[in-house]
Amino acid sequence: MKMIATSWRRLTLAVLTVLLVVGSFAVFTPSASAETYTVKLGTDKGMLAFEPKKLTVKPGDTIKWLNNKVPPHNVVFDPAKNPTHSKELAASLSHKKLLMSPKQTDVTVVPADAPAGEYTFYCEPHRGAGMVGKLTVEG
């Protein structure tokens, strides 16, 4: 009888260990992997525009800003045109330093807690020429 009880405890411990290990994978595995998107600063045809002009992302995604044509360029998010009108959020997404050479890049990681909604960004030197884009963050 003592041997059956010992075997039963070992079996129960083994089953609980397996359930704990399997359960930890379910908890710590991300539901979806983050994506990386590239936005060109200046179109391939030399127009003063972002390519693409509109982009939809999810929190955690990465945007690579690629200096393409007709530099200098930068990326500035408008604090008045984001879901919370937050200057801090706009500043954290922006890259005010000018990219002077083709193929230079900057990277923005959309914060995990970024509010869903539409964000407007622009190139400071070419904003007046219409170099403005829209970023939609999905919830």
N, C-alpha and C. Protein backbone atom coordinates (compact mmCIF):
# COMPACT_ATOMS: atom_id res chain seq x y z
N MET A 1 0.81 -1.19 0.00
CA MET A 1 0.00 0.00 0.00
C MET A 1 0.87 1.27 0.00
N LYS A 2 1.96 1.21 0.79
CA LYS A 2 2.87 2.35 0.85
C LYS A 2 3.50 2.59 -0.52
N MET A 3 3.79 1.52 -1.23
CA MET A 3 4.40 1.62 -2.55
C MET A 3 3.43 2.24 -3.56
N ILE A 4 2.18 1.93 -3.46
CA ILE A 4 1.17 2.50 -4.36
C ILE A 4 1.04 4.00 -4.09
N ALA A 5 1.03 4.39 -2.82
CA ALA A 5 0.92 5.80 -2.46
C ALA A 5 2.13 6.57 -2.97
N THR A 6 3.32 6.01 -2.85
CA THR A 6 4.54 6.67 -3.33
C THR A 6 4.50 6.81 -4.84
N SER A 7 4.09 5.76 -5.51
CA SER A 7 3.99 5.81 -6.98
C SER A 7 2.96 6.85 -7.41
N TRP A 8 1.85 6.89 -6.72
CA TRP A 8 0.79 7.84 -7.04
C TRP A 8 1.29 9.29 -6.87
N ARG A 9 2.04 9.57 -5.79
CA ARG A 9 2.59 10.90 -5.57
C ARG A 9 3.58 11.28 -6.67
N ARG A 10 4.41 10.34 -7.06
CA ARG A 10 5.38 10.61 -8.13
C ARG A 10 4.68 10.91 -9.45
N LEU A 11 3.66 10.13 -9.76
CA LEU A 11 2.90 10.35 -10.99
C LEU A 11 2.21 11.72 -10.95
N THR A 12 1.61 12.04 -9.82
CA THR A 12 0.94 13.35 -9.69
C THR A 12 1.95 14.49 -9.84
N LEU A 13 3.11 14.36 -9.21
CA LEU A 13 4.16 15.37 -9.32
C LEU A 13 4.64 15.51 -10.77
N ALA A 14 4.80 14.40 -11.47
CA ALA A 14 5.23 14.43 -12.87
C ALA A 14 4.19 15.13 -13.74
N VAL A 15 2.92 14.81 -13.53
CA VAL A 15 1.84 15.43 -14.32
C VAL A 15 1.78 16.92 -14.04
N LEU A 16 1.89 17.33 -12.78
CA LEU A 16 1.86 18.75 -12.44
C LEU A 16 3.05 19.49 -13.04
N THR A 17 4.22 18.86 -13.06
CA THR A 17 5.41 19.47 -13.65
C THR A 17 5.20 19.70 -15.15
N VAL A 18 4.67 18.70 -15.83
CA VAL A 18 4.41 18.83 -17.27
C VAL A 18 3.39 19.94 -17.52
N LEU A 19 2.33 19.99 -16.73
CA LEU A 19 1.33 21.04 -16.90
C LEU A 19 1.92 22.43 -16.65
N LEU A 20 2.79 22.54 -15.67
CA LEU A 20 3.44 23.81 -15.38
C LEU A 20 4.33 24.26 -16.54
N VAL A 21 5.10 23.35 -17.10
CA VAL A 21 5.99 23.69 -18.22
C VAL A 21 5.17 24.09 -19.44
N VAL A 22 4.16 23.30 -19.79
CA VAL A 22 3.33 23.61 -20.94
C VAL A 22 2.58 24.92 -20.73
N GLY A 23 2.07 25.14 -19.53
CA GLY A 23 1.36 26.38 -19.21
C GLY A 23 2.25 27.60 -19.31
N SER A 24 3.51 27.47 -18.95
CA SER A 24 4.42 28.62 -19.03
C SER A 24 4.67 29.03 -20.48
N PHE A 25 4.69 28.07 -21.40
CA PHE A 25 4.83 28.41 -22.82
C PHE A 25 3.63 29.21 -23.29
N ALA A 26 2.44 28.83 -22.87
CA ALA A 26 1.23 29.54 -23.28
C ALA A 26 1.22 30.96 -22.74
N VAL A 27 1.74 31.17 -21.54
CA VAL A 27 1.72 32.49 -20.93
C VAL A 27 2.81 33.39 -21.50
N PHE A 28 4.00 32.84 -21.73
CA PHE A 28 5.14 33.67 -22.13
C PHE A 28 5.39 33.74 -23.62
N THR A 29 4.62 33.06 -24.43
CA THR A 29 4.77 33.13 -25.88
C THR A 29 3.92 34.28 -26.40
N PRO A 30 4.50 35.24 -27.13
CA PRO A 30 3.70 36.34 -27.65
C PRO A 30 2.65 35.83 -28.63
N SER A 31 1.50 36.50 -28.64
CA SER A 31 0.42 36.06 -29.49
C SER A 31 0.73 36.30 -30.97
N ALA A 32 1.48 37.34 -31.26
CA ALA A 32 1.86 37.62 -32.65
C ALA A 32 3.21 38.33 -32.63
N SER A 33 4.00 38.05 -33.63
CA SER A 33 5.31 38.70 -33.66
C SER A 33 5.18 40.10 -34.24
N ALA A 34 6.05 40.97 -33.79
CA ALA A 34 6.04 42.35 -34.27
C ALA A 34 6.55 42.39 -35.71
N GLU A 35 6.04 43.33 -36.45
CA GLU A 35 6.43 43.52 -37.85
C GLU A 35 7.38 44.70 -37.97
N THR A 36 8.15 44.73 -39.05
CA THR A 36 9.00 45.87 -39.38
C THR A 36 8.58 46.40 -40.75
N TYR A 37 8.34 47.70 -40.80
CA TYR A 37 7.92 48.36 -42.03
C TYR A 37 8.97 49.39 -42.43
N THR A 38 9.16 49.59 -43.73
CA THR A 38 10.08 50.61 -44.21
C THR A 38 9.28 51.72 -44.88
N VAL A 39 9.58 52.95 -44.50
CA VAL A 39 8.99 54.13 -45.14
C VAL A 39 10.13 54.92 -45.75
N LYS A 40 10.03 55.18 -47.05
CA LYS A 40 11.06 55.95 -47.76
C LYS A 40 10.80 57.44 -47.57
N LEU A 41 11.86 58.17 -47.33
CA LEU A 41 11.79 59.63 -47.22
C LEU A 41 12.21 60.18 -48.57
N GLY A 42 11.21 60.56 -49.36
CA GLY A 42 11.43 60.93 -50.75
C GLY A 42 11.12 59.71 -51.61
N THR A 43 10.28 59.88 -52.62
CA THR A 43 9.87 58.74 -53.45
C THR A 43 10.98 58.34 -54.41
N ASP A 44 10.84 57.16 -54.99
CA ASP A 44 11.82 56.68 -55.97
C ASP A 44 11.90 57.60 -57.18
N LYS A 45 10.80 58.32 -57.48
CA LYS A 45 10.77 59.24 -58.63
C LYS A 45 11.26 60.64 -58.25
N GLY A 46 11.73 60.81 -57.00
CA GLY A 46 12.27 62.11 -56.59
C GLY A 46 11.25 63.11 -56.10
N MET A 47 10.05 62.65 -55.78
CA MET A 47 9.01 63.54 -55.26
C MET A 47 9.23 63.75 -53.76
N LEU A 48 8.84 64.93 -53.27
CA LEU A 48 8.94 65.22 -51.84
C LEU A 48 7.71 64.64 -51.14
N ALA A 49 7.80 63.35 -50.84
CA ALA A 49 6.70 62.63 -50.20
C ALA A 49 7.25 61.41 -49.48
N PHE A 50 6.46 60.92 -48.54
CA PHE A 50 6.78 59.65 -47.88
C PHE A 50 6.23 58.53 -48.75
N GLU A 51 6.92 57.41 -48.77
CA GLU A 51 6.47 56.27 -49.56
C GLU A 51 6.55 55.01 -48.70
N PRO A 52 5.44 54.47 -48.21
CA PRO A 52 4.06 54.90 -48.43
C PRO A 52 3.71 56.12 -47.58
N LYS A 53 2.68 56.81 -48.02
CA LYS A 53 2.22 58.02 -47.34
C LYS A 53 1.37 57.68 -46.12
N LYS A 54 0.71 56.51 -46.17
CA LYS A 54 -0.13 56.04 -45.07
C LYS A 54 0.33 54.64 -44.67
N LEU A 55 0.38 54.41 -43.37
CA LEU A 55 0.86 53.13 -42.86
C LEU A 55 0.01 52.75 -41.65
N THR A 56 -0.36 51.48 -41.56
CA THR A 56 -1.09 50.96 -40.41
C THR A 56 -0.21 49.95 -39.69
N VAL A 57 -0.06 50.15 -38.39
CA VAL A 57 0.81 49.30 -37.56
C VAL A 57 0.08 48.90 -36.29
N LYS A 58 0.75 48.05 -35.53
CA LYS A 58 0.25 47.64 -34.21
C LYS A 58 1.30 48.03 -33.17
N PRO A 59 0.89 48.22 -31.93
CA PRO A 59 1.89 48.48 -30.88
C PRO A 59 2.97 47.38 -30.90
N GLY A 60 4.22 47.80 -30.76
CA GLY A 60 5.34 46.87 -30.79
C GLY A 60 6.00 46.75 -32.16
N ASP A 61 5.31 47.20 -33.21
CA ASP A 61 5.89 47.16 -34.55
C ASP A 61 7.01 48.20 -34.68
N THR A 62 7.87 48.00 -35.68
CA THR A 62 9.00 48.88 -35.93
C THR A 62 8.84 49.54 -37.29
N ILE A 63 9.17 50.83 -37.34
CA ILE A 63 9.17 51.57 -38.61
C ILE A 63 10.60 51.99 -38.88
N LYS A 64 11.12 51.57 -40.03
CA LYS A 64 12.46 52.00 -40.46
C LYS A 64 12.26 53.12 -41.46
N TRP A 65 12.78 54.30 -41.14
CA TRP A 65 12.70 55.47 -42.00
C TRP A 65 13.96 55.49 -42.86
N LEU A 66 13.81 55.34 -44.17
CA LEU A 66 14.94 55.24 -45.09
C LEU A 66 15.07 56.51 -45.91
N ASN A 67 16.17 57.22 -45.74
CA ASN A 67 16.43 58.43 -46.53
C ASN A 67 16.64 57.99 -47.97
N ASN A 68 15.77 58.44 -48.86
CA ASN A 68 15.78 57.93 -50.23
C ASN A 68 16.26 58.98 -51.23
N LYS A 69 15.42 59.95 -51.53
CA LYS A 69 15.74 60.95 -52.57
C LYS A 69 15.48 62.36 -52.06
N VAL A 70 16.17 63.33 -52.66
CA VAL A 70 16.03 64.76 -52.40
C VAL A 70 16.20 65.10 -50.91
N PRO A 71 17.33 64.66 -50.29
CA PRO A 71 17.54 65.00 -48.88
C PRO A 71 17.83 66.49 -48.71
N PRO A 72 17.84 67.01 -47.51
CA PRO A 72 17.74 66.32 -46.23
C PRO A 72 16.29 66.08 -45.82
N HIS A 73 16.10 65.05 -44.98
CA HIS A 73 14.77 64.71 -44.46
C HIS A 73 14.87 64.38 -42.98
N ASN A 74 13.72 64.50 -42.32
CA ASN A 74 13.57 64.00 -40.96
C ASN A 74 12.11 63.58 -40.79
N VAL A 75 11.78 63.08 -39.61
CA VAL A 75 10.41 62.64 -39.32
C VAL A 75 10.00 63.26 -38.00
N VAL A 76 8.96 64.09 -38.05
CA VAL A 76 8.47 64.75 -36.85
C VAL A 76 6.98 64.44 -36.72
N PHE A 77 6.59 63.92 -35.56
CA PHE A 77 5.18 63.65 -35.31
C PHE A 77 4.54 64.89 -34.70
N ASP A 78 3.39 65.27 -35.23
CA ASP A 78 2.68 66.47 -34.79
C ASP A 78 1.97 66.20 -33.47
N PRO A 79 2.34 66.92 -32.40
CA PRO A 79 1.71 66.66 -31.10
C PRO A 79 0.21 66.95 -31.09
N ALA A 80 -0.24 67.87 -31.91
CA ALA A 80 -1.66 68.20 -31.95
C ALA A 80 -2.47 67.17 -32.74
N LYS A 81 -1.77 66.29 -33.47
CA LYS A 81 -2.48 65.34 -34.32
C LYS A 81 -2.10 63.90 -33.98
N ASN A 82 -2.29 63.55 -32.70
CA ASN A 82 -2.21 62.17 -32.25
C ASN A 82 -3.37 61.95 -31.27
N PRO A 83 -3.75 60.73 -31.01
CA PRO A 83 -4.97 60.48 -30.22
C PRO A 83 -5.02 61.17 -28.86
N THR A 84 -3.88 61.38 -28.22
CA THR A 84 -3.88 62.00 -26.88
C THR A 84 -3.40 63.45 -26.89
N HIS A 85 -2.99 63.95 -28.05
CA HIS A 85 -2.42 65.30 -28.18
C HIS A 85 -1.21 65.47 -27.25
N SER A 86 -0.48 64.39 -27.08
CA SER A 86 0.65 64.36 -26.15
C SER A 86 1.94 64.82 -26.82
N LYS A 87 2.57 65.85 -26.26
CA LYS A 87 3.86 66.32 -26.78
C LYS A 87 4.94 65.27 -26.51
N GLU A 88 4.86 64.60 -25.36
CA GLU A 88 5.86 63.59 -25.01
C GLU A 88 5.80 62.40 -25.96
N LEU A 89 4.58 61.95 -26.27
CA LEU A 89 4.43 60.83 -27.20
C LEU A 89 4.95 61.21 -28.58
N ALA A 90 4.59 62.40 -29.05
CA ALA A 90 5.05 62.86 -30.36
C ALA A 90 6.58 62.93 -30.39
N ALA A 91 7.17 63.46 -29.34
CA ALA A 91 8.64 63.57 -29.28
C ALA A 91 9.30 62.20 -29.27
N SER A 92 8.69 61.22 -28.58
CA SER A 92 9.29 59.89 -28.50
C SER A 92 9.26 59.16 -29.84
N LEU A 93 8.32 59.51 -30.70
CA LEU A 93 8.21 58.87 -32.02
C LEU A 93 9.05 59.59 -33.08
N SER A 94 9.37 60.85 -32.84
CA SER A 94 10.03 61.72 -33.83
C SER A 94 11.53 61.50 -33.91
N HIS A 95 12.07 61.90 -35.07
CA HIS A 95 13.52 61.94 -35.31
C HIS A 95 13.81 63.29 -35.96
N LYS A 96 14.14 64.28 -35.12
CA LYS A 96 14.31 65.65 -35.61
C LYS A 96 15.63 65.87 -36.35
N LYS A 97 16.63 65.03 -36.06
CA LYS A 97 17.92 65.19 -36.72
C LYS A 97 17.76 64.92 -38.22
N LEU A 98 18.34 65.79 -39.03
CA LEU A 98 18.23 65.65 -40.48
C LEU A 98 19.11 64.51 -40.99
N LEU A 99 18.54 63.69 -41.85
CA LEU A 99 19.31 62.67 -42.56
C LEU A 99 19.80 63.32 -43.85
N MET A 100 21.10 63.37 -44.02
CA MET A 100 21.68 64.11 -45.14
C MET A 100 22.04 63.24 -46.34
N SER A 101 22.35 61.97 -46.11
CA SER A 101 22.83 61.09 -47.19
C SER A 101 21.81 60.01 -47.52
N PRO A 102 21.74 59.64 -48.82
CA PRO A 102 20.87 58.53 -49.19
C PRO A 102 21.24 57.26 -48.42
N LYS A 103 20.25 56.47 -48.12
CA LYS A 103 20.37 55.18 -47.44
C LYS A 103 20.55 55.31 -45.92
N GLN A 104 20.66 56.53 -45.38
CA GLN A 104 20.69 56.68 -43.92
C GLN A 104 19.32 56.28 -43.38
N THR A 105 19.31 55.76 -42.16
CA THR A 105 18.04 55.32 -41.58
C THR A 105 17.89 55.81 -40.14
N ASP A 106 16.66 55.86 -39.71
CA ASP A 106 16.26 56.03 -38.32
C ASP A 106 15.21 54.97 -38.06
N VAL A 107 15.02 54.64 -36.80
CA VAL A 107 14.06 53.59 -36.45
C VAL A 107 13.14 54.09 -35.35
N THR A 108 11.86 53.82 -35.51
CA THR A 108 10.86 54.10 -34.48
C THR A 108 10.19 52.79 -34.12
N VAL A 109 10.17 52.48 -32.82
CA VAL A 109 9.41 51.33 -32.33
C VAL A 109 8.14 51.89 -31.71
N VAL A 110 7.00 51.43 -32.22
CA VAL A 110 5.72 51.91 -31.70
C VAL A 110 5.57 51.34 -30.29
N PRO A 111 5.43 52.20 -29.28
CA PRO A 111 5.35 51.71 -27.90
C PRO A 111 4.20 50.73 -27.70
N ALA A 112 4.42 49.78 -26.82
CA ALA A 112 3.39 48.77 -26.54
C ALA A 112 2.11 49.41 -26.00
N ASP A 113 2.24 50.56 -25.35
CA ASP A 113 1.07 51.23 -24.79
C ASP A 113 0.59 52.41 -25.65
N ALA A 114 1.02 52.44 -26.91
CA ALA A 114 0.59 53.53 -27.80
C ALA A 114 -0.92 53.48 -28.00
N PRO A 115 -1.60 54.60 -27.80
CA PRO A 115 -3.05 54.62 -28.00
C PRO A 115 -3.41 54.36 -29.46
N ALA A 116 -4.47 53.62 -29.67
CA ALA A 116 -4.95 53.38 -31.02
C ALA A 116 -5.46 54.69 -31.61
N GLY A 117 -5.28 54.84 -32.92
CA GLY A 117 -5.77 56.02 -33.59
C GLY A 117 -4.83 56.49 -34.67
N GLU A 118 -5.08 57.71 -35.17
CA GLU A 118 -4.32 58.26 -36.28
C GLU A 118 -3.30 59.30 -35.79
N TYR A 119 -2.10 59.20 -36.33
CA TYR A 119 -0.99 60.09 -36.00
C TYR A 119 -0.53 60.76 -37.30
N THR A 120 -0.23 62.03 -37.25
CA THR A 120 0.28 62.75 -38.42
C THR A 120 1.76 63.03 -38.21
N PHE A 121 2.55 62.77 -39.25
CA PHE A 121 3.98 63.07 -39.20
C PHE A 121 4.36 63.84 -40.46
N TYR A 122 5.50 64.52 -40.40
CA TYR A 122 5.94 65.33 -41.54
C TYR A 122 7.45 65.44 -41.54
N CYS A 123 7.97 65.90 -42.67
CA CYS A 123 9.39 66.23 -42.81
C CYS A 123 9.49 67.74 -42.62
N GLU A 124 10.25 68.17 -41.62
CA GLU A 124 10.33 69.61 -41.32
C GLU A 124 10.75 70.46 -42.52
N PRO A 125 11.84 70.12 -43.23
CA PRO A 125 12.24 70.99 -44.35
C PRO A 125 11.23 71.01 -45.50
N HIS A 126 10.41 69.97 -45.62
CA HIS A 126 9.54 69.86 -46.81
C HIS A 126 8.05 69.81 -46.46
N ARG A 127 7.72 70.19 -45.23
CA ARG A 127 6.30 70.18 -44.82
C ARG A 127 5.48 71.10 -45.72
N GLY A 128 6.01 72.27 -46.01
CA GLY A 128 5.31 73.23 -46.86
C GLY A 128 5.08 72.72 -48.27
N ALA A 129 5.92 71.77 -48.70
CA ALA A 129 5.77 71.17 -50.03
C ALA A 129 4.81 69.97 -50.00
N GLY A 130 4.24 69.70 -48.81
CA GLY A 130 3.26 68.62 -48.71
C GLY A 130 3.83 67.29 -48.27
N MET A 131 5.04 67.26 -47.74
CA MET A 131 5.64 66.00 -47.29
C MET A 131 5.09 65.67 -45.90
N VAL A 132 3.89 65.11 -45.91
CA VAL A 132 3.14 64.78 -44.69
C VAL A 132 2.63 63.35 -44.83
N GLY A 133 2.61 62.61 -43.74
CA GLY A 133 2.11 61.24 -43.77
C GLY A 133 1.21 60.94 -42.59
N LYS A 134 0.54 59.80 -42.68
CA LYS A 134 -0.39 59.36 -41.63
C LYS A 134 0.00 57.97 -41.15
N LEU A 135 0.00 57.80 -39.84
CA LEU A 135 0.26 56.50 -39.22
C LEU A 135 -0.99 56.14 -38.43
N THR A 136 -1.53 54.97 -38.70
CA THR A 136 -2.67 54.48 -37.93
C THR A 136 -2.18 53.35 -37.05
N VAL A 137 -2.40 53.50 -35.74
CA VAL A 137 -2.05 52.45 -34.79
C VAL A 137 -3.34 51.71 -34.44
N GLU A 138 -3.34 50.41 -34.69
CA GLU A 138 -4.50 49.58 -34.39
C GLU A 138 -4.47 49.18 -32.93
N GLY A 139 -5.65 49.00 -32.37
CA GLY A 139 -5.75 48.60 -30.96
C GLY A 139 -5.62 47.14 -30.74
